[in-house]
Amino acid sequence: MGFAYGADESRWSENAANTLGEGEGLYSKVLSGTEGVIFSRSTNLYALMTNDDPFQYFGGIGLAVRHLDGATPEMYVSNLRKKDQLKSQTLDEFVNQKMRSRYFHPRWIKAMQDSGYAGATAILDRMNNMWGGSDDT
């Protein structure tokens, strides 16, 4: 995310990290002052914690802004999963709803328990994706 792409194709993939001077990266200048970050969910096939993309990109931008400005921006999920019920939710609301409807649901827990090692691995993957851990822990 620190490489430039634009109208001048001769500069494509140029490292723009410090184009503004020592320690003043272009990407930092763009992110600084961000008040809100939006992550869209348009499928029920994958949940927010099914893979690591949300914490890498959505959470990563939030942490980058916190590092630059000293405060985390507002974090929103654009919930597009039901075309007749489109809504924006805070990250807290969305995660709370997902935890209650899926991960704390007795049938999901029972299915994971019945799956033995594979179920334990699925739970571990979700928790790693929630907290930004890795499979190497």
C-alpha atoms as a PDB file:
ATOM      1  CA  MET A   1       0.000   0.000   0.000  1.00  0.00           C
ATOM      2  CA  GLY A   2       2.973   2.287  -0.220  1.00  0.00           C
ATOM      3  CA  PHE A   3       3.459   2.068  -3.979  1.00  0.00           C
ATOM      4  CA  ALA A   4       2.156   4.590  -6.496  1.00  0.00           C
ATOM      5  CA  TYR A   5      -0.124   3.940  -9.451  1.00  0.00           C
ATOM      6  CA  GLY A   6      -1.622   6.696 -11.592  1.00  0.00           C
ATOM      7  CA  ALA A   7      -1.784   8.376 -14.977  1.00  0.00           C
ATOM      8  CA  ASP A   8       2.006   8.305 -15.454  1.00  0.00           C
ATOM      9  CA  GLU A   9       2.612   4.616 -16.138  1.00  0.00           C
ATOM     10  CA  SER A  10       6.373   5.096 -16.026  1.00  0.00           C
ATOM     11  CA  ARG A  11       6.030   5.635 -12.251  1.00  0.00           C
ATOM     12  CA  TRP A  12       3.804   2.618 -11.601  1.00  0.00           C
ATOM     13  CA  SER A  13       4.963   0.604  -8.577  1.00  0.00           C
ATOM     14  CA  GLU A  14       7.331   3.368  -7.512  1.00  0.00           C
ATOM     15  CA  ASN A  15       7.880   3.261  -3.766  1.00  0.00           C
ATOM     16  CA  ALA A  16       6.033   6.321  -2.482  1.00  0.00           C
ATOM     17  CA  ALA A  17       6.827   5.700   1.179  1.00  0.00           C
ATOM     18  CA  ASN A  18       9.026   8.755   1.646  1.00  0.00           C
ATOM     19  CA  THR A  19       8.239  10.972  -1.321  1.00  0.00           C
ATOM     20  CA  LEU A  20       7.414  13.913   0.965  1.00  0.00           C
ATOM     21  CA  GLY A  21      10.702  13.976   2.808  1.00  0.00           C
ATOM     22  CA  GLU A  22      12.392  12.164   5.645  1.00  0.00           C
ATOM     23  CA  GLY A  23       9.860  10.289   7.748  1.00  0.00           C
ATOM     24  CA  GLU A  24       6.821  11.814   6.019  1.00  0.00           C
ATOM     25  CA  GLY A  25       5.410   8.997   3.907  1.00  0.00           C
ATOM     26  CA  LEU A  26       2.726   9.739   1.372  1.00  0.00           C
ATOM     27  CA  TYR A  27       0.478   6.965   2.652  1.00  0.00           C
ATOM     28  CA  SER A  28       0.770   8.338   6.199  1.00  0.00           C
ATOM     29  CA  LYS A  29      -0.293  11.765   4.957  1.00  0.00           C
ATOM     30  CA  VAL A  30      -3.302  10.240   3.223  1.00  0.00           C
ATOM     31  CA  LEU A  31      -4.369   8.222   6.293  1.00  0.00           C
ATOM     32  CA  SER A  32      -3.824  10.936   8.888  1.00  0.00           C
ATOM     33  CA  GLY A  33      -7.073  12.619   9.822  1.00  0.00           C
ATOM     34  CA  THR A  34      -9.245   9.657   8.846  1.00  0.00           C
ATOM     35  CA  GLU A  35     -12.404   9.821  10.926  1.00  0.00           C
ATOM     36  CA  GLY A  36     -14.065   6.585   9.865  1.00  0.00           C
ATOM     37  CA  VAL A  37     -13.259   3.317   8.109  1.00  0.00           C
ATOM     38  CA  ILE A  38     -15.853   1.170   6.325  1.00  0.00           C
ATOM     39  CA  PHE A  39     -15.585  -2.542   5.588  1.00  0.00           C
ATOM     40  CA  SER A  40     -18.316  -4.114   3.487  1.00  0.00           C
ATOM     41  CA  ARG A  41     -19.845  -7.525   3.952  1.00  0.00           C
ATOM     42  CA  SER A  42     -21.899  -8.780   1.049  1.00  0.00           C
ATOM     43  CA  THR A  43     -21.951 -12.528   1.578  1.00  0.00           C
ATOM     44  CA  ASN A  44     -23.068 -15.071   4.131  1.00  0.00           C
ATOM     45  CA  LEU A  45     -20.611 -17.602   2.741  1.00  0.00           C
ATOM     46  CA  TYR A  46     -17.748 -16.120   4.747  1.00  0.00           C
ATOM     47  CA  ALA A  47     -18.077 -14.543   8.170  1.00  0.00           C
ATOM     48  CA  LEU A  48     -16.027 -11.640   9.470  1.00  0.00           C
ATOM     49  CA  MET A  49     -13.676 -14.040  11.264  1.00  0.00           C
ATOM     50  CA  THR A  50     -13.571 -16.803   8.657  1.00  0.00           C
ATOM     51  CA  ASN A  51     -10.303 -15.475   7.227  1.00  0.00           C
ATOM     52  CA  ASP A  52      -7.681 -12.889   8.117  1.00  0.00           C
ATOM     53  CA  ASP A  53      -8.559 -10.211   5.535  1.00  0.00           C
ATOM     54  CA  PRO A  54     -10.754  -8.125   7.869  1.00  0.00           C
ATOM     55  CA  PHE A  55      -8.123  -7.783  10.582  1.00  0.00           C
ATOM     56  CA  GLN A  56      -5.327  -7.267   8.071  1.00  0.00           C
ATOM     57  CA  TYR A  57      -6.976  -4.550   6.013  1.00  0.00           C
ATOM     58  CA  PHE A  58      -9.851  -3.154   8.074  1.00  0.00           C
ATOM     59  CA  GLY A  59      -8.127  -3.481  11.430  1.00  0.00           C
ATOM     60  CA  GLY A  60      -4.767  -2.559   9.932  1.00  0.00           C
ATOM     61  CA  ILE A  61      -6.035   0.795   8.680  1.00  0.00           C
ATOM     62  CA  GLY A  62      -7.647   1.480  12.057  1.00  0.00           C
ATOM     63  CA  LEU A  63      -4.355   0.755  13.835  1.00  0.00           C
ATOM     64  CA  ALA A  64      -2.374   2.817  11.336  1.00  0.00           C
ATOM     65  CA  VAL A  65      -4.623   5.831  11.926  1.00  0.00           C
ATOM     66  CA  ARG A  66      -4.369   5.318  15.706  1.00  0.00           C
ATOM     67  CA  HIS A  67      -0.574   5.223  15.385  1.00  0.00           C
ATOM     68  CA  LEU A  68      -0.557   8.443  13.332  1.00  0.00           C
ATOM     69  CA  ASP A  69      -3.231  10.451  15.137  1.00  0.00           C
ATOM     70  CA  GLY A  70      -3.401   8.931  18.609  1.00  0.00           C
ATOM     71  CA  ALA A  71      -7.046   7.813  18.283  1.00  0.00           C
ATOM     72  CA  THR A  72      -8.768   4.961  16.490  1.00  0.00           C
ATOM     73  CA  PRO A  73     -11.200   6.144  13.815  1.00  0.00           C
ATOM     74  CA  GLU A  74     -14.834   5.065  13.909  1.00  0.00           C
ATOM     75  CA  MET A  75     -15.038   1.548  12.487  1.00  0.00           C
ATOM     76  CA  TYR A  76     -18.155   0.643  10.474  1.00  0.00           C
ATOM     77  CA  VAL A  77     -19.375  -2.420   8.631  1.00  0.00           C
ATOM     78  CA  SER A  78     -21.540  -1.848   5.577  1.00  0.00           C
ATOM     79  CA  ASN A  79     -23.832  -4.836   5.888  1.00  0.00           C
ATOM     80  CA  LEU A  80     -24.992  -5.668   2.359  1.00  0.00           C
ATOM     81  CA  ARG A  81     -25.829  -9.324   2.949  1.00  0.00           C
ATOM     82  CA  LYS A  82     -29.604  -8.914   2.527  1.00  0.00           C
ATOM     83  CA  LYS A  83     -30.547  -6.699  -0.404  1.00  0.00           C
ATOM     84  CA  ASP A  84     -33.778  -5.588   1.264  1.00  0.00           C
ATOM     85  CA  GLN A  85     -32.102  -4.865   4.635  1.00  0.00           C
ATOM     86  CA  LEU A  86     -28.966  -2.858   3.804  1.00  0.00           C
ATOM     87  CA  LYS A  87     -27.498  -1.165   6.855  1.00  0.00           C
ATOM     88  CA  SER A  88     -24.391   0.350   8.339  1.00  0.00           C
ATOM     89  CA  GLN A  89     -23.344  -0.926  11.737  1.00  0.00           C
ATOM     90  CA  THR A  90     -20.534  -0.096  14.084  1.00  0.00           C
ATOM     91  CA  LEU A  91     -17.887  -2.793  14.261  1.00  0.00           C
ATOM     92  CA  ASP A  92     -18.994  -3.458  17.849  1.00  0.00           C
ATOM     93  CA  GLU A  93     -22.609  -4.035  16.758  1.00  0.00           C
ATOM     94  CA  PHE A  94     -21.629  -6.271  13.859  1.00  0.00           C
ATOM     95  CA  VAL A  95     -19.208  -8.426  15.879  1.00  0.00           C
ATOM     96  CA  ASN A  96     -21.669  -8.698  18.773  1.00  0.00           C
ATOM     97  CA  GLN A  97     -24.388  -9.892  16.395  1.00  0.00           C
ATOM     98  CA  LYS A  98     -22.020 -12.369  14.703  1.00  0.00           C
ATOM     99  CA  MET A  99     -20.769 -13.770  18.004  1.00  0.00           C
ATOM    100  CA  ARG A 100     -24.308 -14.299  19.334  1.00  0.00           C
ATOM    101  CA  SER A 101     -25.752 -15.730  16.109  1.00  0.00           C
ATOM    102  CA  ARG A 102     -22.886 -18.014  15.151  1.00  0.00           C
ATOM    103  CA  TYR A 103     -19.979 -18.571  17.523  1.00  0.00           C
ATOM    104  CA  PHE A 104     -21.945 -18.661  20.796  1.00  0.00           C
ATOM    105  CA  HIS A 105     -24.814 -20.582  19.196  1.00  0.00           C
ATOM    106  CA  PRO A 106     -25.206 -23.963  20.927  1.00  0.00           C
ATOM    107  CA  ARG A 107     -25.627 -25.859  17.619  1.00  0.00           C
ATOM    108  CA  TRP A 108     -22.404 -24.367  16.176  1.00  0.00           C
ATOM    109  CA  ILE A 109     -20.504 -25.206  19.366  1.00  0.00           C
ATOM    110  CA  LYS A 110     -21.895 -28.757  19.333  1.00  0.00           C
ATOM    111  CA  ALA A 111     -20.962 -29.188  15.662  1.00  0.00           C
ATOM    112  CA  MET A 112     -17.406 -28.074  16.428  1.00  0.00           C
ATOM    113  CA  GLN A 113     -17.208 -30.457  19.395  1.00  0.00           C
ATOM    114  CA  ASP A 114     -18.540 -33.310  17.275  1.00  0.00           C
ATOM    115  CA  SER A 115     -15.845 -32.578  14.676  1.00  0.00           C
ATOM    116  CA  GLY A 116     -13.080 -33.275  17.183  1.00  0.00           C
ATOM    117  CA  TYR A 117      -9.673 -32.003  16.109  1.00  0.00           C
ATOM    118  CA  ALA A 118     -11.053 -30.341  12.949  1.00  0.00           C
ATOM    119  CA  GLY A 119     -13.630 -28.463  15.025  1.00  0.00           C
ATOM    120  CA  ALA A 120     -10.977 -27.323  17.499  1.00  0.00           C
ATOM    121  CA  THR A 121      -8.862 -26.099  14.583  1.00  0.00           C
ATOM    122  CA  ALA A 122     -11.855 -24.191  13.144  1.00  0.00           C
ATOM    123  CA  ILE A 123     -12.416 -22.488  16.518  1.00  0.00           C
ATOM    124  CA  LEU A 124      -8.700 -21.662  16.764  1.00  0.00           C
ATOM    125  CA  ASP A 125      -8.761 -20.166  13.252  1.00  0.00           C
ATOM    126  CA  ARG A 126     -11.721 -17.928  14.160  1.00  0.00           C
ATOM    127  CA  MET A 127     -10.040 -16.743  17.349  1.00  0.00           C
ATOM    128  CA  ASN A 128      -6.753 -16.080  15.550  1.00  0.00           C
ATOM    129  CA  ASN A 129      -8.664 -14.056  12.959  1.00  0.00           C
ATOM    130  CA  MET A 130     -10.533 -12.168  15.672  1.00  0.00           C
ATOM    131  CA  TRP A 131      -7.398 -11.175  17.584  1.00  0.00           C
ATOM    132  CA  GLY A 132      -4.990 -11.014  14.653  1.00  0.00           C
ATOM    133  CA  GLY A 133      -2.964 -14.034  15.705  1.00  0.00           C
ATOM    134  CA  SER A 134      -1.290 -16.509  13.425  1.00  0.00           C
ATOM    135  CA  ASP A 135      -1.312 -20.230  12.897  1.00  0.00           C
ATOM    136  CA  ASP A 136       2.239 -20.278  14.210  1.00  0.00           C
ATOM    137  CA  THR A 137       1.239 -19.484  17.814  1.00  0.00           C
END
